[in-house]
Amino acid sequence: MNGAEYKTVPTSAEVWAVIHSRHPELKVFASYSAPDGDEFGNRDQGVMFTSYGFLEGDYPIMEARTMWDIDRESQAREKKEEKHEYWLCVPIKDEGE
């Protein structure tokens, strides 16, 4: 879920939440929402993805993704087996430097 300019490092929900809460100036860099099924992957799985960074930054500093199974038989469209993933974003050094 990242560009060529940075790599992601998995982190915990706690670390991600502290950074997010301590830095209200973080802005959304990118987001993807497919609550009725991921058209680029599993159509029976919903997904929400968001990356955050500083306004003056070139790259995001953190990303989060939530995925869940969609029960199409249920009228309530309940989220089943919800899974959360969190990453910190680390810039990749330019080989010419």
PDB file of N, CA and C in Angstrom:
ATOM      1  N   MET A   1       0.806  -1.202   0.000  1.00  0.00           N
ATOM      2  CA  MET A   1       0.000   0.000   0.000  1.00  0.00           C
ATOM      3  C   MET A   1       0.851   1.270   0.000  1.00  0.00           C
ATOM      4  N   ASN A   2       2.007   1.216  -0.565  1.00  0.00           N
ATOM      5  CA  ASN A   2       2.828   2.419  -0.537  1.00  0.00           C
ATOM      6  C   ASN A   2       3.420   2.702  -1.907  1.00  0.00           C
ATOM      7  N   GLY A   3       4.004   3.878  -2.028  1.00  0.00           N
ATOM      8  CA  GLY A   3       4.657   4.270  -3.262  1.00  0.00           C
ATOM      9  C   GLY A   3       6.109   3.855  -3.258  1.00  0.00           C
ATOM     10  N   ALA A   4       6.811   4.150  -4.323  1.00  0.00           N
ATOM     11  CA  ALA A   4       8.207   3.766  -4.450  1.00  0.00           C
ATOM     12  C   ALA A   4       9.119   4.628  -3.585  1.00  0.00           C
ATOM     13  N   GLU A   5       8.644   5.759  -3.081  1.00  0.00           N
ATOM     14  CA  GLU A   5       9.476   6.695  -2.333  1.00  0.00           C
ATOM     15  C   GLU A   5       9.622   6.343  -0.847  1.00  0.00           C
ATOM     16  N   TYR A   6       8.842   5.394  -0.382  1.00  0.00           N
ATOM     17  CA  TYR A   6       8.924   4.997   1.024  1.00  0.00           C
ATOM     18  C   TYR A   6       8.544   3.533   1.177  1.00  0.00           C
ATOM     19  N   LYS A   7       8.955   2.975   2.302  1.00  0.00           N
ATOM     20  CA  LYS A   7       8.556   1.610   2.632  1.00  0.00           C
ATOM     21  C   LYS A   7       7.748   1.664   3.915  1.00  0.00           C
ATOM     22  N   THR A   8       7.021   0.613   4.201  1.00  0.00           N
ATOM     23  CA  THR A   8       6.212   0.579   5.417  1.00  0.00           C
ATOM     24  C   THR A   8       6.793  -0.428   6.399  1.00  0.00           C
ATOM     25  N   VAL A   9       6.648  -0.095   7.673  1.00  0.00           N
ATOM     26  CA  VAL A   9       7.098  -0.938   8.766  1.00  0.00           C
ATOM     27  C   VAL A   9       5.880  -1.203   9.647  1.00  0.00           C
ATOM     28  N   PRO A  10       5.506  -2.467   9.842  1.00  0.00           N
ATOM     29  CA  PRO A  10       4.348  -2.748  10.688  1.00  0.00           C
ATOM     30  C   PRO A  10       4.543  -2.185  12.100  1.00  0.00           C
ATOM     31  N   THR A  11       3.459  -1.682  12.677  1.00  0.00           N
ATOM     32  CA  THR A  11       3.504  -1.177  14.043  1.00  0.00           C
ATOM     33  C   THR A  11       2.239  -1.623  14.769  1.00  0.00           C
ATOM     34  N   SER A  12       2.152  -1.290  16.029  1.00  0.00           N
ATOM     35  CA  SER A  12       0.993  -1.693  16.837  1.00  0.00           C
ATOM     36  C   SER A  12      -0.096  -0.635  16.796  1.00  0.00           C
ATOM     37  N   ALA A  13      -1.287  -1.044  17.154  1.00  0.00           N
ATOM     38  CA  ALA A  13      -2.412  -0.102  17.251  1.00  0.00           C
ATOM     39  C   ALA A  13      -2.112   0.977  18.280  1.00  0.00           C
ATOM     40  N   GLU A  14      -1.425   0.620  19.355  1.00  0.00           N
ATOM     41  CA  GLU A  14      -1.122   1.583  20.410  1.00  0.00           C
ATOM     42  C   GLU A  14      -0.173   2.673  19.932  1.00  0.00           C
ATOM     43  N   VAL A  15       0.901   2.287  19.242  1.00  0.00           N
ATOM     44  CA  VAL A  15       1.858   3.267  18.719  1.00  0.00           C
ATOM     45  C   VAL A  15       1.161   4.182  17.722  1.00  0.00           C
ATOM     46  N   TRP A  16       0.409   3.609  16.808  1.00  0.00           N
ATOM     47  CA  TRP A  16      -0.290   4.371  15.781  1.00  0.00           C
ATOM     48  C   TRP A  16      -1.265   5.363  16.423  1.00  0.00           C
ATOM     49  N   ALA A  17      -2.018   4.905  17.427  1.00  0.00           N
ATOM     50  CA  ALA A  17      -3.011   5.760  18.086  1.00  0.00           C
ATOM     51  C   ALA A  17      -2.358   6.922  18.829  1.00  0.00           C
ATOM     52  N   VAL A  18      -1.224   6.682  19.472  1.00  0.00           N
ATOM     53  CA  VAL A  18      -0.541   7.755  20.193  1.00  0.00           C
ATOM     54  C   VAL A  18      -0.041   8.818  19.218  1.00  0.00           C
ATOM     55  N   ILE A  19       0.583   8.407  18.123  1.00  0.00           N
ATOM     56  CA  ILE A  19       1.059   9.378  17.133  1.00  0.00           C
ATOM     57  C   ILE A  19      -0.121  10.179  16.587  1.00  0.00           C
ATOM     58  N   HIS A  20      -1.189   9.490  16.242  1.00  0.00           N
ATOM     59  CA  HIS A  20      -2.368  10.161  15.679  1.00  0.00           C
ATOM     60  C   HIS A  20      -2.975  11.153  16.671  1.00  0.00           C
ATOM     61  N   SER A  21      -3.051  10.784  17.929  1.00  0.00           N
ATOM     62  CA  SER A  21      -3.671  11.667  18.938  1.00  0.00           C
ATOM     63  C   SER A  21      -2.768  12.839  19.326  1.00  0.00           C
ATOM     64  N   ARG A  22      -1.456  12.650  19.302  1.00  0.00           N
ATOM     65  CA  ARG A  22      -0.516  13.707  19.689  1.00  0.00           C
ATOM     66  C   ARG A  22      -0.228  14.699  18.576  1.00  0.00           C
ATOM     67  N   HIS A  23      -0.656  14.366  17.363  1.00  0.00           N
ATOM     68  CA  HIS A  23      -0.380  15.240  16.214  1.00  0.00           C
ATOM     69  C   HIS A  23      -1.665  15.530  15.436  1.00  0.00           C
ATOM     70  N   PRO A  24      -2.516  16.403  15.982  1.00  0.00           N
ATOM     71  CA  PRO A  24      -3.775  16.726  15.293  1.00  0.00           C
ATOM     72  C   PRO A  24      -3.555  17.438  13.959  1.00  0.00           C
ATOM     73  N   GLU A  25      -2.334  17.892  13.716  1.00  0.00           N
ATOM     74  CA  GLU A  25      -2.035  18.566  12.450  1.00  0.00           C
ATOM     75  C   GLU A  25      -1.842  17.584  11.286  1.00  0.00           C
ATOM     76  N   LEU A  26      -1.831  16.288  11.565  1.00  0.00           N
ATOM     77  CA  LEU A  26      -1.704  15.299  10.490  1.00  0.00           C
ATOM     78  C   LEU A  26      -2.896  15.403   9.546  1.00  0.00           C
ATOM     79  N   LYS A  27      -2.611  15.277   8.260  1.00  0.00           N
ATOM     80  CA  LYS A  27      -3.636  15.365   7.220  1.00  0.00           C
ATOM     81  C   LYS A  27      -3.699  14.043   6.457  1.00  0.00           C
ATOM     82  N   VAL A  28      -4.839  13.760   5.863  1.00  0.00           N
ATOM     83  CA  VAL A  28      -4.999  12.569   5.051  1.00  0.00           C
ATOM     84  C   VAL A  28      -4.222  12.752   3.751  1.00  0.00           C
ATOM     85  N   PHE A  29      -3.318  11.819   3.476  1.00  0.00           N
ATOM     86  CA  PHE A  29      -2.569  11.823   2.217  1.00  0.00           C
ATOM     87  C   PHE A  29      -3.334  11.059   1.148  1.00  0.00           C
ATOM     88  N   ALA A  30      -3.896   9.925   1.524  1.00  0.00           N
ATOM     89  CA  ALA A  30      -4.644   9.093   0.588  1.00  0.00           C
ATOM     90  C   ALA A  30      -5.650   8.265   1.369  1.00  0.00           C
ATOM     91  N   SER A  31      -6.724   7.879   0.690  1.00  0.00           N
ATOM     92  CA  SER A  31      -7.692   6.991   1.319  1.00  0.00           C
ATOM     93  C   SER A  31      -8.377   6.150   0.249  1.00  0.00           C
ATOM     94  N   TYR A  32      -8.825   4.994   0.668  1.00  0.00           N
ATOM     95  CA  TYR A  32      -9.564   4.096  -0.200  1.00  0.00           C
ATOM     96  C   TYR A  32     -10.627   3.438   0.653  1.00  0.00           C
ATOM     97  N   SER A  33     -11.856   3.472   0.178  1.00  0.00           N
ATOM     98  CA  SER A  33     -12.976   2.918   0.921  1.00  0.00           C
ATOM     99  C   SER A  33     -13.788   2.013   0.007  1.00  0.00           C
ATOM    100  N   ALA A  34     -13.947   0.775   0.412  1.00  0.00           N
ATOM    101  CA  ALA A  34     -14.766  -0.181  -0.342  1.00  0.00           C
ATOM    102  C   ALA A  34     -15.585  -1.008   0.648  1.00  0.00           C
ATOM    103  N   PRO A  35     -16.571  -0.384   1.301  1.00  0.00           N
ATOM    104  CA  PRO A  35     -17.331  -1.093   2.332  1.00  0.00           C
ATOM    105  C   PRO A  35     -18.203  -2.224   1.798  1.00  0.00           C
ATOM    106  N   ASP A  36     -18.505  -2.232   0.504  1.00  0.00           N
ATOM    107  CA  ASP A  36     -19.346  -3.276  -0.075  1.00  0.00           C
ATOM    108  C   ASP A  36     -18.557  -4.309  -0.870  1.00  0.00           C
ATOM    109  N   GLY A  37     -17.234  -4.300  -0.722  1.00  0.00           N
ATOM    110  CA  GLY A  37     -16.392  -5.275  -1.401  1.00  0.00           C
ATOM    111  C   GLY A  37     -15.274  -4.595  -2.155  1.00  0.00           C
ATOM    112  N   ASP A  38     -14.097  -5.149  -2.047  1.00  0.00           N
ATOM    113  CA  ASP A  38     -12.911  -4.568  -2.663  1.00  0.00           C
ATOM    114  C   ASP A  38     -12.849  -4.938  -4.134  1.00  0.00           C
ATOM    115  N   GLU A  39     -13.074  -3.975  -5.014  1.00  0.00           N
ATOM    116  CA  GLU A  39     -13.072  -4.246  -6.448  1.00  0.00           C
ATOM    117  C   GLU A  39     -11.696  -4.617  -6.978  1.00  0.00           C
ATOM    118  N   PHE A  40     -10.630  -4.350  -6.218  1.00  0.00           N
ATOM    119  CA  PHE A  40      -9.270  -4.679  -6.636  1.00  0.00           C
ATOM    120  C   PHE A  40      -8.768  -5.962  -5.980  1.00  0.00           C
ATOM    121  N   GLY A  41      -9.598  -6.572  -5.191  1.00  0.00           N
ATOM    122  CA  GLY A  41      -9.191  -7.779  -4.468  1.00  0.00           C
ATOM    123  C   GLY A  41     -10.392  -8.684  -4.246  1.00  0.00           C
ATOM    124  N   ASN A  42     -10.649  -9.004  -3.012  1.00  0.00           N
ATOM    125  CA  ASN A  42     -11.728  -9.897  -2.642  1.00  0.00           C
ATOM    126  C   ASN A  42     -13.047  -9.123  -2.584  1.00  0.00           C
ATOM    127  N   ARG A  43     -13.985  -9.448  -3.456  1.00  0.00           N
ATOM    128  CA  ARG A  43     -15.267  -8.737  -3.499  1.00  0.00           C
ATOM    129  C   ARG A  43     -16.153  -9.090  -2.305  1.00  0.00           C
ATOM    130  N   ASP A  44     -15.809 -10.134  -1.565  1.00  0.00           N
ATOM    131  CA  ASP A  44     -16.554 -10.503  -0.368  1.00  0.00           C
ATOM    132  C   ASP A  44     -15.888  -9.960   0.891  1.00  0.00           C
ATOM    133  N   GLN A  45     -14.972  -9.015   0.700  1.00  0.00           N
ATOM    134  CA  GLN A  45     -14.272  -8.421   1.833  1.00  0.00           C
ATOM    135  C   GLN A  45     -14.275  -6.902   1.675  1.00  0.00           C
ATOM    136  N   GLY A  46     -14.761  -6.221   2.711  1.00  0.00           N
ATOM    137  CA  GLY A  46     -14.717  -4.762   2.726  1.00  0.00           C
ATOM    138  C   GLY A  46     -13.347  -4.291   3.169  1.00  0.00           C
ATOM    139  N   VAL A  47     -13.004  -3.070   2.769  1.00  0.00           N
ATOM    140  CA  VAL A  47     -11.698  -2.528   3.145  1.00  0.00           C
ATOM    141  C   VAL A  47     -11.780  -1.011   3.271  1.00  0.00           C
ATOM    142  N   MET A  48     -11.042  -0.489   4.232  1.00  0.00           N
ATOM    143  CA  MET A  48     -10.863   0.951   4.418  1.00  0.00           C
ATOM    144  C   MET A  48      -9.367   1.160   4.633  1.00  0.00           C
ATOM    145  N   PHE A  49      -8.771   2.071   3.855  1.00  0.00           N
ATOM    146  CA  PHE A  49      -7.348   2.359   3.961  1.00  0.00           C
ATOM    147  C   PHE A  49      -7.161   3.871   4.031  1.00  0.00           C
ATOM    148  N   THR A  50      -6.280   4.324   4.924  1.00  0.00           N
ATOM    149  CA  THR A  50      -5.971   5.747   5.019  1.00  0.00           C
ATOM    150  C   THR A  50      -4.499   5.922   5.354  1.00  0.00           C
ATOM    151  N   SER A  51      -3.865   6.896   4.685  1.00  0.00           N
ATOM    152  CA  SER A  51      -2.503   7.283   5.051  1.00  0.00           C
ATOM    153  C   SER A  51      -2.526   8.733   5.509  1.00  0.00           C
ATOM    154  N   TYR A  52      -1.663   9.036   6.488  1.00  0.00           N
ATOM    155  CA  TYR A  52      -1.607  10.369   7.091  1.00  0.00           C
ATOM    156  C   TYR A  52      -0.190  10.910   7.033  1.00  0.00           C
ATOM    157  N   GLY A  53      -0.094  12.239   6.910  1.00  0.00           N
ATOM    158  CA  GLY A  53       1.203  12.893   6.932  1.00  0.00           C
ATOM    159  C   GLY A  53       1.055  14.352   7.311  1.00  0.00           C
ATOM    160  N   PHE A  54       2.186  15.018   7.401  1.00  0.00           N
ATOM    161  CA  PHE A  54       2.181  16.448   7.710  1.00  0.00           C
ATOM    162  C   PHE A  54       1.954  17.244   6.432  1.00  0.00           C
ATOM    163  N   LEU A  55       1.269  18.346   6.539  1.00  0.00           N
ATOM    164  CA  LEU A  55       0.913  19.162   5.389  1.00  0.00           C
ATOM    165  C   LEU A  55       2.138  19.534   4.554  1.00  0.00           C
ATOM    166  N   GLU A  56       3.232  19.873   5.210  1.00  0.00           N
ATOM    167  CA  GLU A  56       4.439  20.275   4.487  1.00  0.00           C
ATOM    168  C   GLU A  56       5.304  19.084   4.066  1.00  0.00           C
ATOM    169  N   GLY A  57       4.900  17.878   4.398  1.00  0.00           N
ATOM    170  CA  GLY A  57       5.683  16.689   4.063  1.00  0.00           C
ATOM    171  C   GLY A  57       5.433  16.199   2.649  1.00  0.00           C
ATOM    172  N   ASP A  58       6.410  15.474   2.129  1.00  0.00           N
ATOM    173  CA  ASP A  58       6.302  14.911   0.787  1.00  0.00           C
ATOM    174  C   ASP A  58       5.653  13.526   0.788  1.00  0.00           C
ATOM    175  N   TYR A  59       5.717  12.837   1.926  1.00  0.00           N
ATOM    176  CA  TYR A  59       5.215  11.473   2.019  1.00  0.00           C
ATOM    177  C   TYR A  59       4.411  11.317   3.303  1.00  0.00           C
ATOM    178  N   PRO A  60       3.548  10.316   3.351  1.00  0.00           N
ATOM    179  CA  PRO A  60       2.844  10.044   4.602  1.00  0.00           C
ATOM    180  C   PRO A  60       3.820   9.511   5.650  1.00  0.00           C
ATOM    181  N   ILE A  61       3.418   9.596   6.907  1.00  0.00           N
ATOM    182  CA  ILE A  61       4.252   9.027   7.966  1.00  0.00           C
ATOM    183  C   ILE A  61       3.641   7.760   8.554  1.00  0.00           C
ATOM    184  N   MET A  62       2.330   7.535   8.280  1.00  0.00           N
ATOM    185  CA  MET A  62       1.698   6.336   8.802  1.00  0.00           C
ATOM    186  C   MET A  62       0.477   5.972   7.975  1.00  0.00           C
ATOM    187  N   GLU A  63       0.144   4.683   8.013  1.00  0.00           N
ATOM    188  CA  GLU A  63      -0.991   4.163   7.258  1.00  0.00           C
ATOM    189  C   GLU A  63      -1.758   3.170   8.120  1.00  0.00           C
ATOM    190  N   ALA A  64      -3.038   3.016   7.807  1.00  0.00           N
ATOM    191  CA  ALA A  64      -3.869   2.044   8.511  1.00  0.00           C
ATOM    192  C   ALA A  64      -4.835   1.408   7.520  1.00  0.00           C
ATOM    193  N   ARG A  65      -5.133   0.130   7.745  1.00  0.00           N
ATOM    194  CA  ARG A  65      -6.111  -0.571   6.921  1.00  0.00           C
ATOM    195  C   ARG A  65      -6.979  -1.449   7.807  1.00  0.00           C
ATOM    196  N   THR A  66      -8.268  -1.409   7.554  1.00  0.00           N
ATOM    197  CA  THR A  66      -9.215  -2.295   8.203  1.00  0.00           C
ATOM    198  C   THR A  66      -9.902  -3.107   7.122  1.00  0.00           C
ATOM    199  N   MET A  67      -9.992  -4.416   7.344  1.00  0.00           N
ATOM    200  CA  MET A  67     -10.663  -5.312   6.407  1.00  0.00           C
ATOM    201  C   MET A  67     -11.666  -6.150   7.188  1.00  0.00           C
ATOM    202  N   TRP A  68     -12.745  -6.565   6.514  1.00  0.00           N
ATOM    203  CA  TRP A  68     -13.744  -7.401   7.142  1.00  0.00           C
ATOM    204  C   TRP A  68     -14.456  -8.224   6.073  1.00  0.00           C
ATOM    205  N   ASP A  69     -14.979  -9.357   6.504  1.00  0.00           N
ATOM    206  CA  ASP A  69     -15.774 -10.196   5.615  1.00  0.00           C
ATOM    207  C   ASP A  69     -17.186  -9.635   5.561  1.00  0.00           C
ATOM    208  N   ILE A  70     -17.794  -9.699   4.391  1.00  0.00           N
ATOM    209  CA  ILE A  70     -19.156  -9.207   4.199  1.00  0.00           C
ATOM    210  C   ILE A  70     -20.099 -10.402   4.165  1.00  0.00           C
ATOM    211  N   ASP A  71     -21.091 -10.375   5.040  1.00  0.00           N
ATOM    212  CA  ASP A  71     -22.125 -11.412   5.058  1.00  0.00           C
ATOM    213  C   ASP A  71     -23.267 -10.918   4.165  1.00  0.00           C
ATOM    214  N   ARG A  72     -23.256 -11.313   2.922  1.00  0.00           N
ATOM    215  CA  ARG A  72     -24.251 -10.835   1.956  1.00  0.00           C
ATOM    216  C   ARG A  72     -25.636 -11.410   2.210  1.00  0.00           C
ATOM    217  N   GLU A  73     -25.715 -12.470   2.996  1.00  0.00           N
ATOM    218  CA  GLU A  73     -27.007 -13.078   3.317  1.00  0.00           C
ATOM    219  C   GLU A  73     -27.729 -12.301   4.422  1.00  0.00           C
ATOM    220  N   SER A  74     -26.988 -11.565   5.208  1.00  0.00           N
ATOM    221  CA  SER A  74     -27.550 -10.820   6.334  1.00  0.00           C
ATOM    222  C   SER A  74     -28.136  -9.493   5.859  1.00  0.00           C
ATOM    223  N   GLN A  75     -29.311  -9.161   6.320  1.00  0.00           N
ATOM    224  CA  GLN A  75     -29.930  -7.873   6.004  1.00  0.00           C
ATOM    225  C   GLN A  75     -29.142  -6.724   6.629  1.00  0.00           C
ATOM    226  N   ALA A  76     -28.521  -6.984   7.776  1.00  0.00           N
ATOM    227  CA  ALA A  76     -27.790  -5.939   8.513  1.00  0.00           C
ATOM    228  C   ALA A  76     -26.421  -5.652   7.901  1.00  0.00           C
ATOM    229  N   ARG A  77     -25.957  -6.519   6.985  1.00  0.00           N
ATOM    230  CA  ARG A  77     -24.621  -6.351   6.385  1.00  0.00           C
ATOM    231  C   ARG A  77     -23.552  -6.173   7.459  1.00  0.00           C
ATOM    232  N   GLU A  78     -23.579  -7.062   8.436  1.00  0.00           N
ATOM    233  CA  GLU A  78     -22.644  -6.979   9.552  1.00  0.00           C
ATOM    234  C   GLU A  78     -21.212  -7.215   9.097  1.00  0.00           C
ATOM    235  N   LYS A  79     -20.287  -6.535   9.787  1.00  0.00           N
ATOM    236  CA  LYS A  79     -18.858  -6.760   9.546  1.00  0.00           C
ATOM    237  C   LYS A  79     -18.449  -7.995  10.341  1.00  0.00           C
ATOM    238  N   LYS A  80     -17.882  -8.967   9.657  1.00  0.00           N
ATOM    239  CA  LYS A  80     -17.433 -10.206  10.296  1.00  0.00           C
ATOM    240  C   LYS A  80     -15.919 -10.303  10.189  1.00  0.00           C
ATOM    241  N   GLU A  81     -15.308 -10.840  11.226  1.00  0.00           N
ATOM    242  CA  GLU A  81     -13.853 -11.077  11.209  1.00  0.00           C
ATOM    243  C   GLU A  81     -13.067  -9.812  10.875  1.00  0.00           C
ATOM    244  N   GLU A  82     -13.370  -8.722  11.556  1.00  0.00           N
ATOM    245  CA  GLU A  82     -12.684  -7.453  11.300  1.00  0.00           C
ATOM    246  C   GLU A  82     -11.206  -7.560  11.689  1.00  0.00           C
ATOM    247  N   LYS A  83     -10.334  -7.053  10.805  1.00  0.00           N
ATOM    248  CA  LYS A  83      -8.890  -7.107  11.031  1.00  0.00           C
ATOM    249  C   LYS A  83      -8.299  -5.720  10.777  1.00  0.00           C
ATOM    250  N   HIS A  84      -7.444  -5.265  11.684  1.00  0.00           N
ATOM    251  CA  HIS A  84      -6.810  -3.952  11.574  1.00  0.00           C
ATOM    252  C   HIS A  84      -5.300  -4.126  11.399  1.00  0.00           C
ATOM    253  N   GLU A  85      -4.725  -3.298  10.522  1.00  0.00           N
ATOM    254  CA  GLU A  85      -3.277  -3.296  10.313  1.00  0.00           C
ATOM    255  C   GLU A  85      -2.788  -1.854  10.340  1.00  0.00           C
ATOM    256  N   TYR A  86      -1.585  -1.669  10.899  1.00  0.00           N
ATOM    257  CA  TYR A  86      -1.023  -0.325  11.052  1.00  0.00           C
ATOM    258  C   TYR A  86       0.442  -0.337  10.625  1.00  0.00           C
ATOM    259  N   TRP A  87       0.872   0.763   9.963  1.00  0.00           N
ATOM    260  CA  TRP A  87       2.257   0.877   9.520  1.00  0.00           C
ATOM    261  C   TRP A  87       2.797   2.275   9.772  1.00  0.00           C
ATOM    262  N   LEU A  88       4.097   2.353   9.984  1.00  0.00           N
ATOM    263  CA  LEU A  88       4.832   3.611   9.924  1.00  0.00           C
ATOM    264  C   LEU A  88       5.496   3.658   8.556  1.00  0.00           C
ATOM    265  N   CYS A  89       5.630   4.839   7.990  1.00  0.00           N
ATOM    266  CA  CYS A  89       6.226   4.999   6.661  1.00  0.00           C
ATOM    267  C   CYS A  89       7.639   5.548   6.800  1.00  0.00           C
ATOM    268  N   VAL A  90       8.576   4.908   6.123  1.00  0.00           N
ATOM    269  CA  VAL A  90       9.984   5.267   6.202  1.00  0.00           C
ATOM    270  C   VAL A  90      10.473   5.634   4.798  1.00  0.00           C
ATOM    271  N   PRO A  91      11.012   6.847   4.607  1.00  0.00           N
ATOM    272  CA  PRO A  91      11.507   7.225   3.279  1.00  0.00           C
ATOM    273  C   PRO A  91      12.631   6.303   2.821  1.00  0.00           C
ATOM    274  N   ILE A  92      12.698   6.081   1.517  1.00  0.00           N
ATOM    275  CA  ILE A  92      13.781   5.293   0.925  1.00  0.00           C
ATOM    276  C   ILE A  92      14.846   6.279   0.437  1.00  0.00           C
ATOM    277  N   LYS A  93      16.067   6.042   0.855  1.00  0.00           N
ATOM    278  CA  LYS A  93      17.166   6.908   0.471  1.00  0.00           C
ATOM    279  C   LYS A  93      17.423   6.812  -1.029  1.00  0.00           C
ATOM    280  N   ASP A  94      17.590   7.949  -1.674  1.00  0.00           N
ATOM    281  CA  ASP A  94      17.894   7.987  -3.089  1.00  0.00           C
ATOM    282  C   ASP A  94      19.285   7.411  -3.307  1.00  0.00           C
ATOM    283  N   GLU A  95      19.414   6.475  -4.238  1.00  0.00           N
ATOM    284  CA  GLU A  95      20.690   5.820  -4.506  1.00  0.00           C
ATOM    285  C   GLU A  95      21.771   6.786  -4.927  1.00  0.00           C
ATOM    286  N   GLY A  96      21.397   7.960  -5.461  1.00  0.00           N
ATOM    287  CA  GLY A  96      22.371   8.935  -5.901  1.00  0.00           C
ATOM    288  C   GLY A  96      22.958   9.778  -4.778  1.00  0.00           C
ATOM    289  N   GLU A  97      22.452   9.605  -3.571  1.00  0.00           N
ATOM    290  CA  GLU A  97      22.952  10.419  -2.438  1.00  0.00           C
ATOM    291  C   GLU A  97      24.147   9.775  -1.775  1.00  0.00           C
TER     292      GLU A  97
END
